[in-house]
Amino acid sequence: MSVSHDIVRLLPYLRRYARALTGAQATGDEYVRLCLEAILAEPERIKNAADLRVELFAVFHDAWDIVDSAIPAVEGTAEDGGLNRQLAALPSIERQVLLLIALERFSTAEAARILDLEEADVVRKLDVARQELRRQATTRVLIIEDEPVIAMDIAGIVESLGHEVVGVAGRQAEAVELARKHRPGLVLADVQLQDGDSGIVTVQEIMRSMDAPVIFVTGFPERLLTGDRVEPAFIVTKPFDPETLKVAIVQALSFSVQQAKTG
């Protein structure tokens, strides 16, 4: 019972990683489901884990590898095939390393265990991934944040990556108007805004007239990682490390570019 309780406690963070890795809630949550099925099939692996969090993420990656190897033999509807192709679309190992370390705050040794690599190899791949941060095409960014100091910090990080901040809004009406005027290529939003406005509702209204990746920056990530409803793909926890936000921005924009090429 204690192990089960601990797994439930860790699931929101596994969902966050899975969604960031795949670029979508549905795909990421499906991988989390496959991970849980693997645990049910091999419960001793988790029960005997020296570090439950590390082992949970390791099982997640093992489940991904199993599904990937089985994809050519999968038969089903066109819709099923589309889902399977999505499940197989694992980002580069460098991007996996970067997300594990920058987003989920694992050490290089822990990331090596999760990915079944040598730690020295993880360090090299992390360096390559960090170099990618400086090679991404730039875009216009809208920041929806009601705390001026935090908004300034976010703006500084966005601009350090070469992007243009087209506006900062602390209320729903202001954010919607800025989005209509500037058509941003990325939106960074808090969940709670001024005067009781909701960042989630604000983003939903903005997305009715445009399509852009969204990253929620919040002090309560668990509320957006339940898996019980439609939820964001990209979530950064406050207080955040600048590299964590940079990595989330790069990952979100990377999937946006991929979708534009295949759309």
Protein backbone atom coordinates (compact mmCIF):
# COMPACT_ATOMS: atom_id res chain seq x y z
CA MET A 1 0.00 0.00 0.00
CA SER A 2 2.85 2.38 0.81
CA VAL A 3 4.47 1.80 -2.59
CA SER A 4 1.14 2.30 -4.37
CA HIS A 5 0.60 5.56 -2.51
CA ASP A 6 4.07 6.78 -3.46
CA ILE A 7 3.49 5.92 -7.13
CA VAL A 8 0.23 7.88 -7.13
CA ARG A 9 2.09 10.83 -5.61
CA LEU A 10 4.73 10.70 -8.37
CA LEU A 11 2.34 10.23 -11.29
CA PRO A 12 1.69 13.96 -11.94
CA TYR A 13 5.40 14.49 -12.54
CA LEU A 14 5.67 11.46 -14.81
CA ARG A 15 2.71 12.87 -16.76
CA ARG A 16 4.47 16.24 -17.02
CA TYR A 17 7.60 14.59 -18.42
CA ALA A 18 5.65 12.32 -20.78
CA ARG A 19 3.60 15.20 -22.16
CA ALA A 20 6.66 17.40 -22.66
CA LEU A 21 8.48 14.50 -24.33
CA THR A 22 5.66 13.74 -26.76
CA GLY A 23 4.23 17.24 -27.16
CA ALA A 24 0.67 16.19 -26.36
CA GLN A 25 -1.45 15.27 -23.36
CA ALA A 26 -3.16 12.26 -24.96
CA THR A 27 0.06 10.66 -26.20
CA GLY A 28 1.99 11.35 -23.03
CA ASP A 29 -0.79 10.05 -20.79
CA GLU A 30 -1.06 6.91 -22.95
CA TYR A 31 2.58 6.18 -22.26
CA VAL A 32 2.02 6.67 -18.55
CA ARG A 33 -0.79 4.10 -18.79
CA LEU A 34 1.56 1.65 -20.51
CA CYS A 35 4.13 2.26 -17.79
CA LEU A 36 1.57 1.39 -15.10
CA GLU A 37 0.64 -1.78 -16.97
CA ALA A 38 4.33 -2.75 -17.01
CA ILE A 39 4.48 -2.22 -13.25
CA LEU A 40 1.45 -4.44 -12.72
CA ALA A 41 3.12 -7.15 -14.81
CA GLU A 42 6.41 -6.84 -12.90
CA PRO A 43 5.61 -5.39 -9.43
CA GLU A 44 8.81 -6.63 -7.79
CA ARG A 45 10.83 -4.20 -9.85
CA ILE A 46 9.16 -1.25 -8.13
CA LYS A 47 8.88 -2.85 -4.70
CA ASN A 48 12.64 -3.51 -4.59
CA ALA A 49 13.68 -0.16 -6.07
CA ALA A 50 16.41 1.73 -4.25
CA ASP A 51 14.89 4.98 -5.56
CA LEU A 52 11.22 4.72 -6.53
CA ARG A 53 11.16 7.94 -8.57
CA VAL A 54 14.16 6.90 -10.67
CA GLU A 55 12.81 3.39 -11.19
CA LEU A 56 9.38 4.69 -12.18
CA PHE A 57 10.91 6.80 -14.94
CA ALA A 58 13.12 3.86 -15.99
CA VAL A 59 10.05 1.62 -16.34
CA PHE A 60 8.43 4.38 -18.39
CA HIS A 61 11.30 4.33 -20.88
CA ASP A 62 11.35 0.54 -20.98
CA ALA A 63 7.63 0.56 -21.82
CA TRP A 64 8.30 3.04 -24.62
CA ASP A 65 11.00 0.78 -26.09
CA ILE A 66 8.68 -2.24 -25.97
CA VAL A 67 5.88 -0.42 -27.81
CA ASP A 68 8.35 1.01 -30.34
CA SER A 69 9.72 -2.44 -31.21
CA ALA A 70 6.18 -3.84 -31.57
CA ILE A 71 4.85 -1.08 -33.83
CA PRO A 72 5.56 -2.75 -37.22
CA ALA A 73 3.42 -5.75 -36.20
CA VAL A 74 0.48 -3.69 -34.95
CA GLU A 75 -2.71 -3.97 -36.95
CA GLY A 76 -5.88 -1.95 -36.56
CA THR A 77 -7.79 1.02 -37.84
CA ALA A 78 -6.21 4.03 -39.48
CA GLU A 79 -6.82 5.91 -36.24
CA ASP A 80 -5.00 3.21 -34.26
CA GLY A 81 -2.10 3.34 -36.70
CA GLY A 82 -1.87 7.11 -36.27
CA LEU A 83 -1.68 6.72 -32.51
CA ASN A 84 0.99 4.04 -32.82
CA ARG A 85 3.08 6.24 -35.09
CA GLN A 86 2.81 9.01 -32.52
CA LEU A 87 3.85 6.65 -29.75
CA ALA A 88 6.92 5.66 -31.74
CA ALA A 89 7.99 9.25 -32.36
CA LEU A 90 10.48 9.40 -29.52
CA PRO A 91 12.53 12.62 -29.48
CA SER A 92 16.28 12.35 -29.71
CA ILE A 93 18.18 10.82 -26.81
CA GLU A 94 19.77 14.25 -26.29
CA ARG A 95 16.33 15.79 -25.80
CA GLN A 96 15.38 13.02 -23.38
CA VAL A 97 18.48 13.73 -21.31
CA LEU A 98 17.77 17.46 -21.33
CA LEU A 99 14.16 17.04 -20.18
CA LEU A 100 15.06 14.59 -17.44
CA ILE A 101 17.72 16.90 -16.02
CA ALA A 102 16.31 20.38 -16.71
CA LEU A 103 12.57 19.75 -16.34
CA GLU A 104 12.45 16.91 -13.81
CA ARG A 105 15.68 17.83 -11.98
CA PHE A 106 17.31 14.40 -12.07
CA SER A 107 21.08 14.22 -11.64
CA THR A 108 23.25 13.00 -14.51
CA ALA A 109 23.75 9.72 -12.63
CA GLU A 110 19.99 9.28 -12.21
CA ALA A 111 19.34 10.11 -15.87
CA ALA A 112 21.95 7.52 -16.84
CA ARG A 113 20.11 4.89 -14.79
CA ILE A 114 16.76 5.84 -16.31
CA LEU A 115 18.03 5.69 -19.89
CA ASP A 116 20.45 2.79 -19.34
CA LEU A 117 23.48 4.84 -20.38
CA GLU A 118 26.91 5.56 -18.94
CA GLU A 119 26.96 8.80 -16.95
CA ALA A 120 29.79 10.18 -19.12
CA ASP A 121 27.59 9.61 -22.17
CA VAL A 122 24.73 11.48 -20.48
CA VAL A 123 27.03 14.43 -19.79
CA ARG A 124 28.07 14.56 -23.47
CA LYS A 125 24.49 14.33 -24.71
CA LEU A 126 23.42 17.03 -22.27
CA ASP A 127 26.06 19.37 -23.71
CA VAL A 128 24.82 18.68 -27.25
CA ALA A 129 21.22 19.30 -26.21
CA ARG A 130 22.10 22.59 -24.55
CA GLN A 131 23.77 23.74 -27.75
CA GLU A 132 20.47 23.14 -29.55
CA LEU A 133 18.87 25.80 -27.36
CA ARG A 134 20.80 28.45 -29.24
CA ARG A 135 19.88 27.23 -32.74
CA GLN A 136 16.08 27.47 -32.71
CA ALA A 137 14.17 29.83 -34.97
CA THR A 138 12.71 32.82 -33.13
CA THR A 139 9.06 33.76 -32.71
CA ARG A 140 6.72 36.29 -31.07
CA VAL A 141 5.75 35.50 -27.48
CA LEU A 142 2.79 36.62 -25.37
CA ILE A 143 3.24 36.45 -21.58
CA ILE A 144 0.10 36.16 -19.43
CA GLU A 145 1.23 36.76 -15.85
CA ASP A 146 -0.16 39.04 -13.14
CA GLU A 147 3.00 39.29 -11.00
CA PRO A 148 5.21 42.06 -12.50
CA VAL A 149 8.50 40.70 -11.16
CA ILE A 150 7.80 37.18 -12.43
CA ALA A 151 6.66 38.61 -15.77
CA MET A 152 9.95 40.49 -16.06
CA ASP A 153 11.93 37.35 -15.28
CA ILE A 154 10.02 35.38 -17.92
CA ALA A 155 10.46 38.15 -20.48
CA GLY A 156 14.21 38.21 -19.85
CA ILE A 157 14.46 34.45 -20.39
CA VAL A 158 12.37 34.63 -23.56
CA GLU A 159 14.50 37.43 -24.97
CA SER A 160 17.73 35.64 -24.06
CA LEU A 161 16.65 32.92 -26.51
CA GLY A 162 16.22 35.55 -29.23
CA HIS A 163 12.42 35.66 -29.17
CA GLU A 164 10.34 38.84 -29.20
CA VAL A 165 7.96 39.59 -26.32
CA VAL A 166 4.93 41.22 -27.96
CA GLY A 167 3.05 41.88 -24.74
CA VAL A 168 2.51 41.14 -21.06
CA ALA A 169 -1.02 40.84 -19.67
CA GLY A 170 -2.35 40.24 -16.18
CA ARG A 171 -6.05 40.03 -17.05
CA GLN A 172 -8.10 37.99 -19.49
CA ALA A 173 -9.45 40.82 -21.63
CA GLU A 174 -6.02 42.39 -22.03
CA ALA A 175 -4.43 39.05 -22.98
CA VAL A 176 -7.09 38.26 -25.57
CA GLU A 177 -6.71 41.69 -27.15
CA LEU A 178 -2.90 41.37 -27.32
CA ALA A 179 -3.20 37.93 -28.89
CA ARG A 180 -5.59 39.20 -31.57
CA LYS A 181 -3.30 42.11 -32.33
CA HIS A 182 0.06 40.32 -32.46
CA ARG A 183 -0.77 36.67 -33.32
CA PRO A 184 2.03 35.25 -31.13
CA GLY A 185 3.82 32.04 -32.02
CA LEU A 186 4.01 31.02 -28.35
CA VAL A 187 1.99 31.79 -25.21
CA LEU A 188 3.34 31.57 -21.65
CA ALA A 189 0.52 31.73 -19.10
CA ASP A 190 -0.04 31.60 -15.37
CA VAL A 191 -3.13 29.78 -14.11
CA GLN A 192 -4.38 32.48 -11.73
CA LEU A 193 -4.62 36.07 -12.98
CA GLN A 194 -5.77 39.42 -11.59
CA ASP A 195 -9.34 39.97 -10.45
CA GLY A 196 -10.00 36.25 -10.29
CA ASP A 197 -9.44 35.70 -14.01
CA SER A 198 -8.39 32.21 -15.07
CA GLY A 199 -5.32 31.72 -17.23
CA ILE A 200 -6.79 28.46 -18.53
CA VAL A 201 -10.03 30.11 -19.64
CA THR A 202 -8.03 32.98 -21.14
CA VAL A 203 -5.89 30.61 -23.21
CA GLN A 204 -8.97 28.69 -24.34
CA GLU A 205 -10.52 31.90 -25.63
CA ILE A 206 -7.31 32.90 -27.41
CA MET A 207 -7.03 29.48 -29.09
CA ARG A 208 -10.51 29.82 -30.60
CA SER A 209 -9.06 32.23 -33.19
CA MET A 210 -5.46 31.05 -33.50
CA ASP A 211 -3.18 28.06 -32.97
CA ALA A 212 0.07 28.32 -31.01
CA PRO A 213 1.88 26.22 -28.40
CA VAL A 214 1.12 27.13 -24.80
CA ILE A 215 3.27 26.68 -21.70
CA PHE A 216 1.61 27.08 -18.31
CA VAL A 217 3.87 28.43 -15.57
CA THR A 218 2.25 27.72 -12.22
CA GLY A 219 2.92 27.11 -8.57
CA PHE A 220 0.35 24.29 -8.54
CA PRO A 221 1.31 21.90 -11.37
CA GLU A 222 -0.50 18.94 -9.77
CA ARG A 223 -3.83 20.62 -10.54
CA LEU A 224 -3.06 20.41 -14.26
CA LEU A 225 -1.64 16.88 -14.22
CA THR A 226 -4.54 14.72 -13.05
CA GLY A 227 -5.11 12.91 -16.33
CA ASP A 228 -8.87 13.17 -15.73
CA ARG A 229 -9.69 15.94 -18.22
CA VAL A 230 -8.26 18.04 -21.04
CA GLU A 231 -5.01 19.48 -19.67
CA PRO A 232 -1.90 21.27 -21.00
CA ALA A 233 1.00 19.46 -22.62
CA PHE A 234 3.67 21.81 -21.28
CA ILE A 235 3.82 22.83 -17.62
CA VAL A 236 6.62 24.56 -15.69
CA THR A 237 6.55 24.77 -11.91
CA LYS A 238 7.08 28.01 -9.98
CA PRO A 239 9.60 28.91 -8.73
CA PHE A 240 11.43 27.88 -11.87
CA ASP A 241 15.05 27.66 -12.90
CA PRO A 242 15.75 29.68 -16.08
CA GLU A 243 17.04 26.58 -17.89
CA THR A 244 13.81 24.72 -17.09
CA LEU A 245 11.74 27.39 -18.82
CA LYS A 246 14.18 27.57 -21.74
CA VAL A 247 13.93 23.83 -22.27
CA ALA A 248 10.12 23.93 -22.15
CA ILE A 249 10.10 26.75 -24.72
CA VAL A 250 12.42 24.87 -27.08
CA GLN A 251 10.42 21.66 -26.73
CA ALA A 252 7.05 23.35 -27.30
CA LEU A 253 8.28 25.24 -30.36
CA SER A 254 9.95 22.13 -31.77
CA PHE A 255 6.64 20.28 -31.83
CA SER A 256 4.94 23.33 -33.33
CA VAL A 257 7.45 23.30 -36.21
CA GLN A 258 6.97 19.55 -36.74
CA GLN A 259 3.19 19.93 -36.88
CA ALA A 260 3.49 22.80 -39.37
CA LYS A 261 5.66 20.64 -41.66
CA THR A 262 3.32 17.66 -41.54
CA GLY A 263 0.06 19.61 -41.47
